[in-house]
Amino acid sequence: DGEFITTDAMSHKASFSCPEDVGTFNIYRMYHE
């Protein structure tokens, strides 16, 4: 909503299933340029 929100590193986790049978993985929200 119009601004950057700062949280602790690796503090928000989700699960994501990749296509083409790559697998299901825990992914972590982080900052990237």
ModelCIF file with pLDDT and N, C-alpha, C, O atoms, coordinates in Angstrom:
data_MODEL
#
_entry.id   MODEL 
#
_entity.id                         1 
_entity.type                       polymer 
_entity.pdbx_number_of_molecules   1 
#
_entity_poly.entity_id                      1 
_entity_poly.type                           'polypeptide(L)' 
_entity_poly.nstd_linkage                   no 
_entity_poly.nstd_monomer                   no 
_entity_poly.pdbx_seq_one_letter_code       DGEFITTDAMSHKASFSCPEDVGTFNIYRMYHE 
_entity_poly.pdbx_seq_one_letter_code_can   DGEFITTDAMSHKASFSCPEDVGTFNIYRMYHE 
_entity_poly.pdbx_strand_id                 A 
#
loop_
_entity_poly_seq.entity_id 
_entity_poly_seq.num 
_entity_poly_seq.mon_id 
_entity_poly_seq.hetero 
1 1  ASP n 
1 2  GLY n 
1 3  GLU n 
1 4  PHE n 
1 5  ILE n 
1 6  THR n 
1 7  THR n 
1 8  ASP n 
1 9  ALA n 
1 10 MET n 
1 11 SER n 
1 12 HIS n 
1 13 LYS n 
1 14 ALA n 
1 15 SER n 
1 16 PHE n 
1 17 SER n 
1 18 CYS n 
1 19 PRO n 
1 20 GLU n 
1 21 ASP n 
1 22 VAL n 
1 23 GLY n 
1 24 THR n 
1 25 PHE n 
1 26 ASN n 
1 27 ILE n 
1 28 TYR n 
1 29 ARG n 
1 30 MET n 
1 31 TYR n 
1 32 HIS n 
1 33 GLU n 
#
_struct_asym.id          A 
_struct_asym.entity_id   1 
#
loop_
_ma_qa_metric.id 
_ma_qa_metric.mode 
_ma_qa_metric.name 
_ma_qa_metric.software_group_id 
_ma_qa_metric.type 
1 global pLDDT . pLDDT 
2 local  pLDDT . pLDDT 
#
_ma_qa_metric_global.metric_id      1 
_ma_qa_metric_global.metric_value   94.58 
_ma_qa_metric_global.model_id       1 
_ma_qa_metric_global.ordinal_id     1 
#
loop_
_ma_qa_metric_local.label_asym_id 
_ma_qa_metric_local.label_comp_id 
_ma_qa_metric_local.label_seq_id 
_ma_qa_metric_local.metric_id 
_ma_qa_metric_local.metric_value 
_ma_qa_metric_local.model_id 
_ma_qa_metric_local.ordinal_id 
A ASP 1  2 96.00 1 1  
A GLY 2  2 96.00 1 2  
A GLU 3  2 97.00 1 3  
A PHE 4  2 97.00 1 4  
A ILE 5  2 97.00 1 5  
A THR 6  2 96.00 1 6  
A THR 7  2 96.00 1 7  
A ASP 8  2 92.00 1 8  
A ALA 9  2 88.00 1 9  
A MET 10 2 87.00 1 10 
A SER 11 2 91.00 1 11 
A HIS 12 2 94.00 1 12 
A LYS 13 2 94.00 1 13 
A ALA 14 2 96.00 1 14 
A SER 15 2 95.00 1 15 
A PHE 16 2 95.00 1 16 
A SER 17 2 95.00 1 17 
A CYS 18 2 96.00 1 18 
A PRO 19 2 96.00 1 19 
A GLU 20 2 95.00 1 20 
A ASP 21 2 95.00 1 21 
A VAL 22 2 96.00 1 22 
A GLY 23 2 95.00 1 23 
A THR 24 2 95.00 1 24 
A PHE 25 2 94.00 1 25 
A ASN 26 2 95.00 1 26 
A ILE 27 2 96.00 1 27 
A TYR 28 2 94.00 1 28 
A ARG 29 2 96.00 1 29 
A MET 30 2 94.00 1 30 
A TYR 31 2 94.00 1 31 
A HIS 32 2 94.00 1 32 
A GLU 33 2 94.00 1 33 
#
loop_
_atom_site.group_PDB 
_atom_site.id 
_atom_site.type_symbol 
_atom_site.label_atom_id 
_atom_site.label_alt_id 
_atom_site.label_comp_id 
_atom_site.label_asym_id 
_atom_site.label_entity_id 
_atom_site.label_seq_id 
_atom_site.pdbx_PDB_ins_code 
_atom_site.Cartn_x 
_atom_site.Cartn_y 
_atom_site.Cartn_z 
_atom_site.occupancy 
_atom_site.B_iso_or_equiv 
_atom_site.pdbx_formal_charge 
_atom_site.auth_seq_id 
_atom_site.auth_comp_id 
_atom_site.auth_asym_id 
_atom_site.auth_atom_id 
_atom_site.pdbx_PDB_model_num 
ATOM 1   N N  . ASP A 1 1  ? 0.812  -1.222  0.000   1.00 96.00 ? 1  ASP A N  1 
ATOM 2   C CA . ASP A 1 1  ? 0.000  0.000   0.000   1.00 96.00 ? 1  ASP A CA 1 
ATOM 3   C C  . ASP A 1 1  ? 0.845  1.271   0.000   1.00 96.00 ? 1  ASP A C  1 
ATOM 4   O O  . ASP A 1 1  ? 0.612  2.179   0.797   1.00 96.00 ? 1  ASP A O  1 
ATOM 5   N N  . GLY A 1 2  ? 1.820  1.328   -0.893  1.00 96.00 ? 2  GLY A N  1 
ATOM 6   C CA . GLY A 1 2  ? 2.557  2.562   -1.102  1.00 96.00 ? 2  GLY A CA 1 
ATOM 7   C C  . GLY A 1 2  ? 3.796  2.769   -0.264  1.00 96.00 ? 2  GLY A C  1 
ATOM 8   O O  . GLY A 1 2  ? 4.392  3.845   -0.305  1.00 96.00 ? 2  GLY A O  1 
ATOM 9   N N  . GLU A 1 3  ? 4.203  1.758   0.502   1.00 97.00 ? 3  GLU A N  1 
ATOM 10  C CA . GLU A 1 3  ? 5.417  1.905   1.306   1.00 97.00 ? 3  GLU A CA 1 
ATOM 11  C C  . GLU A 1 3  ? 6.032  0.541   1.580   1.00 97.00 ? 3  GLU A C  1 
ATOM 12  O O  . GLU A 1 3  ? 5.379  -0.497  1.476   1.00 97.00 ? 3  GLU A O  1 
ATOM 13  N N  . PHE A 1 4  ? 7.324  0.580   1.936   1.00 97.00 ? 4  PHE A N  1 
ATOM 14  C CA . PHE A 1 4  ? 8.001  -0.649  2.326   1.00 97.00 ? 4  PHE A CA 1 
ATOM 15  C C  . PHE A 1 4  ? 7.779  -0.910  3.808   1.00 97.00 ? 4  PHE A C  1 
ATOM 16  O O  . PHE A 1 4  ? 7.946  -0.020  4.642   1.00 97.00 ? 4  PHE A O  1 
ATOM 17  N N  . ILE A 1 5  ? 7.401  -2.144  4.120   1.00 97.00 ? 5  ILE A N  1 
ATOM 18  C CA . ILE A 1 5  ? 7.198  -2.598  5.491   1.00 97.00 ? 5  ILE A CA 1 
ATOM 19  C C  . ILE A 1 5  ? 8.399  -3.465  5.878   1.00 97.00 ? 5  ILE A C  1 
ATOM 20  O O  . ILE A 1 5  ? 8.761  -4.391  5.152   1.00 97.00 ? 5  ILE A O  1 
ATOM 21  N N  . THR A 1 6  ? 9.010  -3.161  7.019   1.00 96.00 ? 6  THR A N  1 
ATOM 22  C CA . THR A 1 6  ? 10.180 -3.899  7.468   1.00 96.00 ? 6  THR A CA 1 
ATOM 23  C C  . THR A 1 6  ? 9.793  -4.913  8.537   1.00 96.00 ? 6  THR A C  1 
ATOM 24  O O  . THR A 1 6  ? 9.085  -4.593  9.492   1.00 96.00 ? 6  THR A O  1 
ATOM 25  N N  . THR A 1 7  ? 10.273 -6.143  8.359   1.00 96.00 ? 7  THR A N  1 
ATOM 26  C CA . THR A 1 7  ? 10.067 -7.206  9.340   1.00 96.00 ? 7  THR A CA 1 
ATOM 27  C C  . THR A 1 7  ? 11.402 -7.919  9.559   1.00 96.00 ? 7  THR A C  1 
ATOM 28  O O  . THR A 1 7  ? 12.367 -7.682  8.833   1.00 96.00 ? 7  THR A O  1 
ATOM 29  N N  . ASP A 1 8  ? 11.446 -8.783  10.551  1.00 92.00 ? 8  ASP A N  1 
ATOM 30  C CA . ASP A 1 8  ? 12.679 -9.512  10.821  1.00 92.00 ? 8  ASP A CA 1 
ATOM 31  C C  . ASP A 1 8  ? 13.004 -10.466 9.676   1.00 92.00 ? 8  ASP A C  1 
ATOM 32  O O  . ASP A 1 8  ? 12.111 -10.982 9.002   1.00 92.00 ? 8  ASP A O  1 
ATOM 33  N N  . ALA A 1 9  ? 14.287 -10.687 9.475   1.00 88.00 ? 9  ALA A N  1 
ATOM 34  C CA . ALA A 1 9  ? 14.726 -11.625 8.436   1.00 88.00 ? 9  ALA A CA 1 
ATOM 35  C C  . ALA A 1 9  ? 14.136 -13.010 8.687   1.00 88.00 ? 9  ALA A C  1 
ATOM 36  O O  . ALA A 1 9  ? 14.130 -13.503 9.814   1.00 88.00 ? 9  ALA A O  1 
ATOM 37  N N  . MET A 1 10 ? 13.645 -13.621 7.623   1.00 87.00 ? 10 MET A N  1 
ATOM 38  C CA . MET A 1 10 ? 13.143 -14.993 7.634   1.00 87.00 ? 10 MET A CA 1 
ATOM 39  C C  . MET A 1 10 ? 11.965 -15.205 8.593   1.00 87.00 ? 10 MET A C  1 
ATOM 40  O O  . MET A 1 10 ? 11.731 -16.329 9.038   1.00 87.00 ? 10 MET A O  1 
ATOM 41  N N  . SER A 1 11 ? 11.233 -14.154 8.912   1.00 91.00 ? 11 SER A N  1 
ATOM 42  C CA . SER A 1 11 ? 10.171 -14.273 9.909   1.00 91.00 ? 11 SER A CA 1 
ATOM 43  C C  . SER A 1 11 ? 8.822  -14.678 9.305   1.00 91.00 ? 11 SER A C  1 
ATOM 44  O O  . SER A 1 11 ? 7.885  -14.991 10.039  1.00 91.00 ? 11 SER A O  1 
ATOM 45  N N  . HIS A 1 12 ? 8.722  -14.674 7.983   1.00 94.00 ? 12 HIS A N  1 
ATOM 46  C CA . HIS A 1 12 ? 7.448  -15.033 7.347   1.00 94.00 ? 12 HIS A CA 1 
ATOM 47  C C  . HIS A 1 12 ? 7.689  -16.167 6.375   1.00 94.00 ? 12 HIS A C  1 
ATOM 48  O O  . HIS A 1 12 ? 8.454  -16.030 5.421   1.00 94.00 ? 12 HIS A O  1 
ATOM 49  N N  . LYS A 1 13 ? 7.033  -17.287 6.621   1.00 94.00 ? 13 LYS A N  1 
ATOM 50  C CA . LYS A 1 13 ? 7.234  -18.507 5.836   1.00 94.00 ? 13 LYS A CA 1 
ATOM 51  C C  . LYS A 1 13 ? 5.941  -18.920 5.157   1.00 94.00 ? 13 LYS A C  1 
ATOM 52  O O  . LYS A 1 13 ? 4.851  -18.698 5.683   1.00 94.00 ? 13 LYS A O  1 
ATOM 53  N N  . ALA A 1 14 ? 6.075  -19.528 3.976   1.00 96.00 ? 14 ALA A N  1 
ATOM 54  C CA . ALA A 1 14 ? 4.928  -20.075 3.263   1.00 96.00 ? 14 ALA A CA 1 
ATOM 55  C C  . ALA A 1 14 ? 5.365  -21.370 2.582   1.00 96.00 ? 14 ALA A C  1 
ATOM 56  O O  . ALA A 1 14 ? 6.556  -21.673 2.513   1.00 96.00 ? 14 ALA A O  1 
ATOM 57  N N  . SER A 1 15 ? 4.409  -22.116 2.088   1.00 95.00 ? 15 SER A N  1 
ATOM 58  C CA . SER A 1 15 ? 4.689  -23.329 1.330   1.00 95.00 ? 15 SER A CA 1 
ATOM 59  C C  . SER A 1 15 ? 4.305  -23.108 -0.125  1.00 95.00 ? 15 SER A C  1 
ATOM 60  O O  . SER A 1 15 ? 3.252  -22.545 -0.425  1.00 95.00 ? 15 SER A O  1 
ATOM 61  N N  . PHE A 1 16 ? 5.170  -23.557 -1.020  1.00 95.00 ? 16 PHE A N  1 
ATOM 62  C CA . PHE A 1 16 ? 4.904  -23.354 -2.450  1.00 95.00 ? 16 PHE A CA 1 
ATOM 63  C C  . PHE A 1 16 ? 5.215  -24.628 -3.216  1.00 95.00 ? 16 PHE A C  1 
ATOM 64  O O  . PHE A 1 16 ? 6.286  -25.215 -3.063  1.00 95.00 ? 16 PHE A O  1 
ATOM 65  N N  . SER A 1 17 ? 4.261  -25.049 -4.046  1.00 95.00 ? 17 SER A N  1 
ATOM 66  C CA . SER A 1 17 ? 4.446  -26.223 -4.901  1.00 95.00 ? 17 SER A CA 1 
ATOM 67  C C  . SER A 1 17 ? 4.821  -25.780 -6.304  1.00 95.00 ? 17 SER A C  1 
ATOM 68  O O  . SER A 1 17 ? 4.035  -25.127 -6.991  1.00 95.00 ? 17 SER A O  1 
ATOM 69  N N  . CYS A 1 18 ? 6.019  -26.137 -6.721  1.00 96.00 ? 18 CYS A N  1 
ATOM 70  C CA . CYS A 1 18 ? 6.506  -25.768 -8.049  1.00 96.00 ? 18 CYS A CA 1 
ATOM 71  C C  . CYS A 1 18 ? 5.857  -26.641 -9.117  1.00 96.00 ? 18 CYS A C  1 
ATOM 72  O O  . CYS A 1 18 ? 5.479  -27.780 -8.841  1.00 96.00 ? 18 CYS A O  1 
ATOM 73  N N  . PRO A 1 19 ? 5.727  -26.122 -10.322 1.00 96.00 ? 19 PRO A N  1 
ATOM 74  C CA . PRO A 1 19 ? 5.193  -26.930 -11.426 1.00 96.00 ? 19 PRO A CA 1 
ATOM 75  C C  . PRO A 1 19 ? 6.207  -27.975 -11.882 1.00 96.00 ? 19 PRO A C  1 
ATOM 76  O O  . PRO A 1 19 ? 7.362  -27.972 -11.455 1.00 96.00 ? 19 PRO A O  1 
ATOM 77  N N  . GLU A 1 20 ? 5.754  -28.861 -12.753 1.00 95.00 ? 20 GLU A N  1 
ATOM 78  C CA . GLU A 1 20 ? 6.589  -29.865 -13.418 1.00 95.00 ? 20 GLU A CA 1 
ATOM 79  C C  . GLU A 1 20 ? 7.325  -30.769 -12.435 1.00 95.00 ? 20 GLU A C  1 
ATOM 80  O O  . GLU A 1 20 ? 8.449  -31.201 -12.690 1.00 95.00 ? 20 GLU A O  1 
ATOM 81  N N  . ASP A 1 21 ? 6.669  -31.050 -11.303 1.00 95.00 ? 21 ASP A N  1 
ATOM 82  C CA . ASP A 1 21 ? 7.182  -31.999 -10.312 1.00 95.00 ? 21 ASP A CA 1 
ATOM 83  C C  . ASP A 1 21 ? 8.540  -31.607 -9.738  1.00 95.00 ? 21 ASP A C  1 
ATOM 84  O O  . ASP A 1 21 ? 9.315  -32.475 -9.337  1.00 95.00 ? 21 ASP A O  1 
ATOM 85  N N  . VAL A 1 22 ? 8.834  -30.312 -9.696  1.00 96.00 ? 22 VAL A N  1 
ATOM 86  C CA . VAL A 1 22 ? 10.066 -29.882 -9.032  1.00 96.00 ? 22 VAL A CA 1 
ATOM 87  C C  . VAL A 1 22 ? 9.969  -30.140 -7.536  1.00 96.00 ? 22 VAL A C  1 
ATOM 88  O O  . VAL A 1 22 ? 10.968 -30.461 -6.892  1.00 96.00 ? 22 VAL A O  1 
ATOM 89  N N  . GLY A 1 23 ? 8.768  -30.001 -6.980  1.00 95.00 ? 23 GLY A N  1 
ATOM 90  C CA . GLY A 1 23 ? 8.564  -30.306 -5.573  1.00 95.00 ? 23 GLY A CA 1 
ATOM 91  C C  . GLY A 1 23 ? 7.873  -29.191 -4.820  1.00 95.00 ? 23 GLY A C  1 
ATOM 92  O O  . GLY A 1 23 ? 7.604  -28.124 -5.372  1.00 95.00 ? 23 GLY A O  1 
ATOM 93  N N  . THR A 1 24 ? 7.589  -29.446 -3.555  1.00 95.00 ? 24 THR A N  1 
ATOM 94  C CA . THR A 1 24 ? 6.983  -28.464 -2.649  1.00 95.00 ? 24 THR A CA 1 
ATOM 95  C C  . THR A 1 24 ? 8.027  -28.038 -1.630  1.00 95.00 ? 24 THR A C  1 
ATOM 96  O O  . THR A 1 24 ? 8.723  -28.871 -1.049  1.00 95.00 ? 24 THR A O  1 
ATOM 97  N N  . PHE A 1 25 ? 8.128  -26.724 -1.420  1.00 94.00 ? 25 PHE A N  1 
ATOM 98  C CA . PHE A 1 25 ? 9.215  -26.181 -0.615  1.00 94.00 ? 25 PHE A CA 1 
ATOM 99  C C  . PHE A 1 25 ? 8.701  -25.127 0.353   1.00 94.00 ? 25 PHE A C  1 
ATOM 100 O O  . PHE A 1 25 ? 7.706  -24.452 0.090   1.00 94.00 ? 25 PHE A O  1 
ATOM 101 N N  . ASN A 1 26 ? 9.399  -24.998 1.477   1.00 95.00 ? 26 ASN A N  1 
ATOM 102 C CA . ASN A 1 26 ? 9.194  -23.857 2.358   1.00 95.00 ? 26 ASN A CA 1 
ATOM 103 C C  . ASN A 1 26 ? 9.929  -22.661 1.761   1.00 95.00 ? 26 ASN A C  1 
ATOM 104 O O  . ASN A 1 26 ? 11.122 -22.733 1.462   1.00 95.00 ? 26 ASN A O  1 
ATOM 105 N N  . ILE A 1 27 ? 9.200  -21.568 1.593   1.00 96.00 ? 27 ILE A N  1 
ATOM 106 C CA . ILE A 1 27 ? 9.798  -20.345 1.076   1.00 96.00 ? 27 ILE A CA 1 
ATOM 107 C C  . ILE A 1 27 ? 9.668  -19.254 2.133   1.00 96.00 ? 27 ILE A C  1 
ATOM 108 O O  . ILE A 1 27 ? 8.704  -19.227 2.898   1.00 96.00 ? 27 ILE A O  1 
ATOM 109 N N  . TYR A 1 28 ? 10.654 -18.351 2.165   1.00 94.00 ? 28 TYR A N  1 
ATOM 110 C CA . TYR A 1 28 ? 10.719 -17.312 3.183   1.00 94.00 ? 28 TYR A CA 1 
ATOM 111 C C  . TYR A 1 28 ? 10.760 -15.942 2.521   1.00 94.00 ? 28 TYR A C  1 
ATOM 112 O O  . TYR A 1 28 ? 11.491 -15.717 1.557   1.00 94.00 ? 28 TYR A O  1 
ATOM 113 N N  . ARG A 1 29 ? 9.960  -15.036 3.063   1.00 96.00 ? 29 ARG A N  1 
ATOM 114 C CA . ARG A 1 29 ? 9.931  -13.679 2.514   1.00 96.00 ? 29 ARG A CA 1 
ATOM 115 C C  . ARG A 1 29 ? 11.196 -12.934 2.928   1.00 96.00 ? 29 ARG A C  1 
ATOM 116 O O  . ARG A 1 29 ? 11.586 -12.954 4.095   1.00 96.00 ? 29 ARG A O  1 
ATOM 117 N N  . MET A 1 30 ? 11.831 -12.278 1.961   1.00 94.00 ? 30 MET A N  1 
ATOM 118 C CA . MET A 1 30 ? 13.038 -11.515 2.226   1.00 94.00 ? 30 MET A CA 1 
ATOM 119 C C  . MET A 1 30 ? 13.085 -10.333 1.260   1.00 94.00 ? 30 MET A C  1 
ATOM 120 O O  . MET A 1 30 ? 12.292 -10.240 0.323   1.00 94.00 ? 30 MET A O  1 
ATOM 121 N N  . TYR A 1 31 ? 14.016 -9.454  1.510   1.00 94.00 ? 31 TYR A N  1 
ATOM 122 C CA . TYR A 1 31 ? 14.142 -8.294  0.626   1.00 94.00 ? 31 TYR A CA 1 
ATOM 123 C C  . TYR A 1 31 ? 15.083 -8.612  -0.524  1.00 94.00 ? 31 TYR A C  1 
ATOM 124 O O  . TYR A 1 31 ? 16.101 -9.281  -0.343  1.00 94.00 ? 31 TYR A O  1 
ATOM 125 N N  . HIS A 1 32 ? 14.733 -8.128  -1.701  1.00 94.00 ? 32 HIS A N  1 
ATOM 126 C CA . HIS A 1 32 ? 15.596 -8.261  -2.868  1.00 94.00 ? 32 HIS A CA 1 
ATOM 127 C C  . HIS A 1 32 ? 15.485 -6.995  -3.685  1.00 94.00 ? 32 HIS A C  1 
ATOM 128 O O  . HIS A 1 32 ? 14.431 -6.360  -3.731  1.00 94.00 ? 32 HIS A O  1 
ATOM 129 N N  . GLU A 1 33 ? 16.591 -6.626  -4.337  1.00 94.00 ? 33 GLU A N  1 
ATOM 130 C CA . GLU A 1 33 ? 16.687 -5.285  -4.895  1.00 94.00 ? 33 GLU A CA 1 
ATOM 131 C C  . GLU A 1 33 ? 15.683 -4.958  -5.988  1.00 94.00 ? 33 GLU A C  1 
ATOM 132 O O  . GLU A 1 33 ? 15.688 -3.847  -6.519  1.00 94.00 ? 33 GLU A O  1 
#
